[in-house]
């Protein structure tokens, strides 16, 4: 996982961080697109807008998730986000 503020985490770190992170109050997925990288790899690209609790401004970012097919199942290999400046 590569986060907007530059943090890079492996699977173990992501699982630990998700357990400590508050959920988004609501979110939107805008302009989703699938990029065919290969028959066994796809990239989902979209704009995400997420709202936390309280009056904090929304997080807006361009997101991408790389999926690989392994053993007949699709598995996420990488998630990346780039913030969109206000």
N, C-alpha and C. Protein backbone atom coordinates (compact mmCIF):
# COMPACT_ATOMS: atom_id res chain seq x y z
N UNK A 1 0.85 -1.16 0.00
CA UNK A 1 0.00 0.00 0.00
C UNK A 1 0.90 1.23 0.00
N UNK A 2 0.58 2.17 -0.87
CA UNK A 2 1.30 3.43 -0.94
C UNK A 2 0.28 4.55 -0.69
N UNK A 3 0.42 5.23 0.45
CA UNK A 3 -0.56 6.22 0.85
C UNK A 3 -0.19 7.62 0.39
N UNK A 4 -1.17 8.50 0.42
CA UNK A 4 -1.03 9.86 -0.11
C UNK A 4 0.08 10.65 0.56
N UNK A 5 0.35 10.40 1.83
CA UNK A 5 1.38 11.16 2.53
C UNK A 5 2.75 10.48 2.47
N UNK A 6 2.90 9.47 1.60
CA UNK A 6 4.21 8.88 1.35
C UNK A 6 4.53 7.62 2.11
N UNK A 7 3.63 7.16 2.96
CA UNK A 7 3.88 5.94 3.72
C UNK A 7 3.71 4.73 2.81
N UNK A 8 4.64 3.79 2.90
CA UNK A 8 4.58 2.53 2.16
C UNK A 8 4.49 1.40 3.18
N UNK A 9 3.49 0.51 3.02
CA UNK A 9 3.27 -0.57 3.97
C UNK A 9 3.16 -1.91 3.26
N UNK A 10 3.64 -2.95 3.95
CA UNK A 10 3.44 -4.31 3.44
C UNK A 10 2.14 -4.86 4.03
N UNK A 11 1.81 -6.09 3.70
CA UNK A 11 0.54 -6.69 4.10
C UNK A 11 0.35 -6.68 5.62
N UNK A 12 1.36 -7.07 6.37
CA UNK A 12 1.25 -7.12 7.83
C UNK A 12 0.99 -5.72 8.39
N UNK A 13 1.69 -4.72 7.89
CA UNK A 13 1.51 -3.35 8.35
C UNK A 13 0.12 -2.81 8.00
N UNK A 14 -0.39 -3.17 6.82
CA UNK A 14 -1.72 -2.72 6.40
C UNK A 14 -2.78 -3.29 7.33
N UNK A 15 -2.71 -4.58 7.61
CA UNK A 15 -3.70 -5.22 8.49
C UNK A 15 -3.68 -4.57 9.87
N UNK A 16 -2.50 -4.32 10.41
CA UNK A 16 -2.38 -3.68 11.72
C UNK A 16 -2.95 -2.25 11.70
N UNK A 17 -2.65 -1.51 10.64
CA UNK A 17 -3.11 -0.12 10.54
C UNK A 17 -4.62 -0.05 10.39
N UNK A 18 -5.21 -0.96 9.64
CA UNK A 18 -6.66 -0.95 9.45
C UNK A 18 -7.40 -1.19 10.76
N UNK A 19 -6.83 -1.99 11.63
CA UNK A 19 -7.44 -2.25 12.92
C UNK A 19 -7.46 -1.03 13.82
N UNK A 20 -6.54 -0.08 13.58
CA UNK A 20 -6.43 1.12 14.40
C UNK A 20 -7.05 2.35 13.75
N UNK A 21 -7.55 2.22 12.53
CA UNK A 21 -8.05 3.38 11.79
C UNK A 21 -9.57 3.49 11.91
N UNK A 22 -10.08 4.70 12.15
CA UNK A 22 -11.54 4.86 12.17
C UNK A 22 -12.10 4.73 10.76
N UNK A 23 -13.30 4.20 10.63
CA UNK A 23 -13.89 4.06 9.29
C UNK A 23 -14.30 5.43 8.73
N UNK A 24 -14.40 5.51 7.41
CA UNK A 24 -14.93 6.71 6.79
C UNK A 24 -16.42 6.79 7.08
N UNK A 25 -16.93 7.99 7.31
CA UNK A 25 -18.37 8.19 7.53
C UNK A 25 -19.12 7.88 6.24
N UNK A 26 -18.60 8.37 5.12
CA UNK A 26 -19.17 8.10 3.80
C UNK A 26 -18.10 8.37 2.77
N UNK A 27 -18.30 7.85 1.57
CA UNK A 27 -17.33 8.06 0.50
C UNK A 27 -18.02 7.97 -0.85
N UNK A 28 -17.33 8.47 -1.86
CA UNK A 28 -17.81 8.39 -3.24
C UNK A 28 -16.69 7.83 -4.11
N UNK A 29 -17.05 7.05 -5.10
CA UNK A 29 -16.12 6.58 -6.12
C UNK A 29 -16.57 7.20 -7.43
N UNK A 30 -15.70 8.01 -8.02
CA UNK A 30 -16.03 8.74 -9.25
C UNK A 30 -15.14 8.28 -10.40
N UNK A 31 -15.72 8.23 -11.59
CA UNK A 31 -15.00 7.94 -12.82
C UNK A 31 -14.17 6.65 -12.75
N UNK A 32 -14.77 5.52 -12.30
CA UNK A 32 -13.99 4.28 -12.24
C UNK A 32 -13.66 3.76 -13.64
N UNK A 33 -12.44 3.30 -13.78
CA UNK A 33 -11.97 2.72 -15.04
C UNK A 33 -11.14 1.49 -14.76
N UNK A 34 -11.23 0.49 -15.63
CA UNK A 34 -10.40 -0.69 -15.53
C UNK A 34 -9.40 -0.67 -16.68
N UNK A 35 -8.14 -0.79 -16.33
CA UNK A 35 -7.07 -0.85 -17.32
C UNK A 35 -6.65 -2.31 -17.42
N UNK A 36 -6.75 -2.88 -18.62
CA UNK A 36 -6.34 -4.26 -18.83
C UNK A 36 -4.83 -4.30 -19.03
N UNK A 37 -4.12 -4.75 -18.01
CA UNK A 37 -2.67 -4.87 -18.13
C UNK A 37 -2.29 -6.19 -18.79
N UNK A 38 -3.10 -7.22 -18.55
CA UNK A 38 -2.82 -8.57 -19.06
C UNK A 38 -4.07 -9.40 -18.79
N UNK A 39 -4.13 -10.59 -19.30
CA UNK A 39 -5.29 -11.44 -19.06
C UNK A 39 -5.42 -11.77 -17.57
N UNK A 40 -4.32 -11.80 -16.84
CA UNK A 40 -4.34 -12.12 -15.41
C UNK A 40 -3.98 -10.94 -14.53
N UNK A 41 -4.05 -9.73 -15.06
CA UNK A 41 -3.79 -8.54 -14.23
C UNK A 41 -4.61 -7.37 -14.75
N UNK A 42 -5.26 -6.70 -13.82
CA UNK A 42 -6.10 -5.55 -14.12
C UNK A 42 -5.77 -4.44 -13.14
N UNK A 43 -6.00 -3.20 -13.55
CA UNK A 43 -5.78 -2.05 -12.69
C UNK A 43 -7.08 -1.26 -12.63
N UNK A 44 -7.59 -1.06 -11.43
CA UNK A 44 -8.77 -0.24 -11.20
C UNK A 44 -8.29 1.16 -10.82
N UNK A 45 -8.72 2.16 -11.57
CA UNK A 45 -8.32 3.56 -11.33
C UNK A 45 -9.60 4.37 -11.13
N UNK A 46 -9.61 5.23 -10.10
CA UNK A 46 -10.80 6.04 -9.83
C UNK A 46 -10.44 7.24 -8.97
N UNK A 47 -11.35 8.16 -8.88
CA UNK A 47 -11.23 9.28 -7.94
C UNK A 47 -12.05 8.92 -6.72
N UNK A 48 -11.44 9.01 -5.56
CA UNK A 48 -12.13 8.73 -4.31
C UNK A 48 -12.30 10.02 -3.52
N UNK A 49 -13.48 10.19 -2.95
CA UNK A 49 -13.77 11.32 -2.06
C UNK A 49 -14.31 10.71 -0.78
N UNK A 50 -13.60 10.91 0.34
CA UNK A 50 -13.99 10.27 1.60
C UNK A 50 -14.15 11.30 2.70
N UNK A 51 -15.15 11.07 3.53
CA UNK A 51 -15.49 11.98 4.62
C UNK A 51 -15.35 11.24 5.94
N UNK A 52 -14.53 11.79 6.84
CA UNK A 52 -14.39 11.24 8.18
C UNK A 52 -15.45 11.81 9.10
N UNK A 53 -15.30 11.53 10.36
CA UNK A 53 -16.22 12.08 11.36
C UNK A 53 -15.93 13.56 11.56
N UNK A 54 -16.93 14.32 11.95
CA UNK A 54 -16.73 15.73 12.27
C UNK A 54 -16.71 16.62 11.04
N UNK A 55 -16.12 17.79 11.22
CA UNK A 55 -16.15 18.83 10.20
C UNK A 55 -14.90 18.85 9.32
N UNK A 56 -14.02 17.89 9.47
CA UNK A 56 -12.79 17.88 8.68
C UNK A 56 -13.12 17.86 7.19
N UNK A 57 -12.30 18.52 6.37
CA UNK A 57 -12.56 18.49 4.92
C UNK A 57 -12.43 17.07 4.38
N UNK A 58 -13.08 16.85 3.26
CA UNK A 58 -13.02 15.53 2.62
C UNK A 58 -11.61 15.26 2.11
N UNK A 59 -11.25 13.97 2.11
CA UNK A 59 -10.02 13.55 1.45
C UNK A 59 -10.38 13.26 0.00
N UNK A 60 -9.63 13.84 -0.91
CA UNK A 60 -9.84 13.62 -2.35
C UNK A 60 -8.55 13.08 -2.94
N UNK A 61 -8.66 11.98 -3.65
CA UNK A 61 -7.45 11.41 -4.22
C UNK A 61 -7.74 10.59 -5.46
N UNK A 62 -6.70 10.40 -6.24
CA UNK A 62 -6.74 9.47 -7.37
C UNK A 62 -6.20 8.15 -6.84
N UNK A 63 -7.01 7.11 -6.96
CA UNK A 63 -6.66 5.81 -6.41
C UNK A 63 -6.41 4.81 -7.53
N UNK A 64 -5.53 3.87 -7.26
CA UNK A 64 -5.36 2.75 -8.19
C UNK A 64 -5.12 1.49 -7.38
N UNK A 65 -5.72 0.41 -7.85
CA UNK A 65 -5.54 -0.90 -7.23
C UNK A 65 -5.17 -1.89 -8.33
N UNK A 66 -4.09 -2.61 -8.12
CA UNK A 66 -3.63 -3.62 -9.07
C UNK A 66 -4.11 -4.97 -8.58
N UNK A 67 -4.81 -5.70 -9.44
CA UNK A 67 -5.32 -7.02 -9.12
C UNK A 67 -4.65 -8.07 -10.01
N UNK A 68 -4.27 -9.19 -9.40
CA UNK A 68 -3.68 -10.31 -10.13
C UNK A 68 -4.55 -11.54 -9.92
N UNK A 69 -4.70 -12.33 -10.98
CA UNK A 69 -5.46 -13.57 -10.85
C UNK A 69 -4.48 -14.68 -10.50
N UNK A 70 -4.74 -15.33 -9.37
CA UNK A 70 -3.88 -16.42 -8.90
C UNK A 70 -4.78 -17.55 -8.42
N UNK A 71 -4.58 -18.73 -8.96
CA UNK A 71 -5.40 -19.87 -8.56
C UNK A 71 -6.87 -19.67 -8.86
N UNK A 72 -7.18 -18.90 -9.92
CA UNK A 72 -8.56 -18.66 -10.30
C UNK A 72 -9.25 -17.56 -9.52
N UNK A 73 -8.55 -16.92 -8.58
CA UNK A 73 -9.13 -15.84 -7.79
C UNK A 73 -8.39 -14.54 -8.03
N UNK A 74 -9.13 -13.43 -8.00
CA UNK A 74 -8.52 -12.11 -8.12
C UNK A 74 -8.07 -11.65 -6.74
N UNK A 75 -6.81 -11.21 -6.66
CA UNK A 75 -6.26 -10.73 -5.39
C UNK A 75 -5.59 -9.38 -5.60
N UNK A 76 -5.81 -8.48 -4.65
CA UNK A 76 -5.18 -7.17 -4.75
C UNK A 76 -3.69 -7.31 -4.44
N UNK A 77 -2.88 -6.79 -5.35
CA UNK A 77 -1.43 -6.83 -5.16
C UNK A 77 -0.88 -5.50 -4.68
N UNK A 78 -1.55 -4.40 -5.04
CA UNK A 78 -1.06 -3.07 -4.66
C UNK A 78 -2.20 -2.08 -4.68
N UNK A 79 -2.23 -1.21 -3.68
CA UNK A 79 -3.17 -0.09 -3.62
C UNK A 79 -2.33 1.16 -3.49
N UNK A 80 -2.68 2.20 -4.24
CA UNK A 80 -1.93 3.45 -4.25
C UNK A 80 -2.90 4.62 -4.30
N UNK A 81 -2.55 5.72 -3.60
CA UNK A 81 -3.38 6.92 -3.63
C UNK A 81 -2.50 8.15 -3.77
N UNK A 82 -3.00 9.09 -4.57
CA UNK A 82 -2.34 10.38 -4.79
C UNK A 82 -3.34 11.46 -4.46
N UNK A 83 -3.01 12.35 -3.51
CA UNK A 83 -3.99 13.38 -3.15
C UNK A 83 -4.23 14.37 -4.30
N UNK A 84 -5.45 14.86 -4.37
CA UNK A 84 -5.80 15.91 -5.32
C UNK A 84 -5.79 17.23 -4.54
N UNK A 85 -4.93 18.16 -4.90
CA UNK A 85 -4.89 19.43 -4.15
C UNK A 85 -6.21 20.18 -4.22
N UNK A 86 -6.53 20.93 -3.16
CA UNK A 86 -7.75 21.74 -3.14
C UNK A 86 -7.67 22.85 -4.17
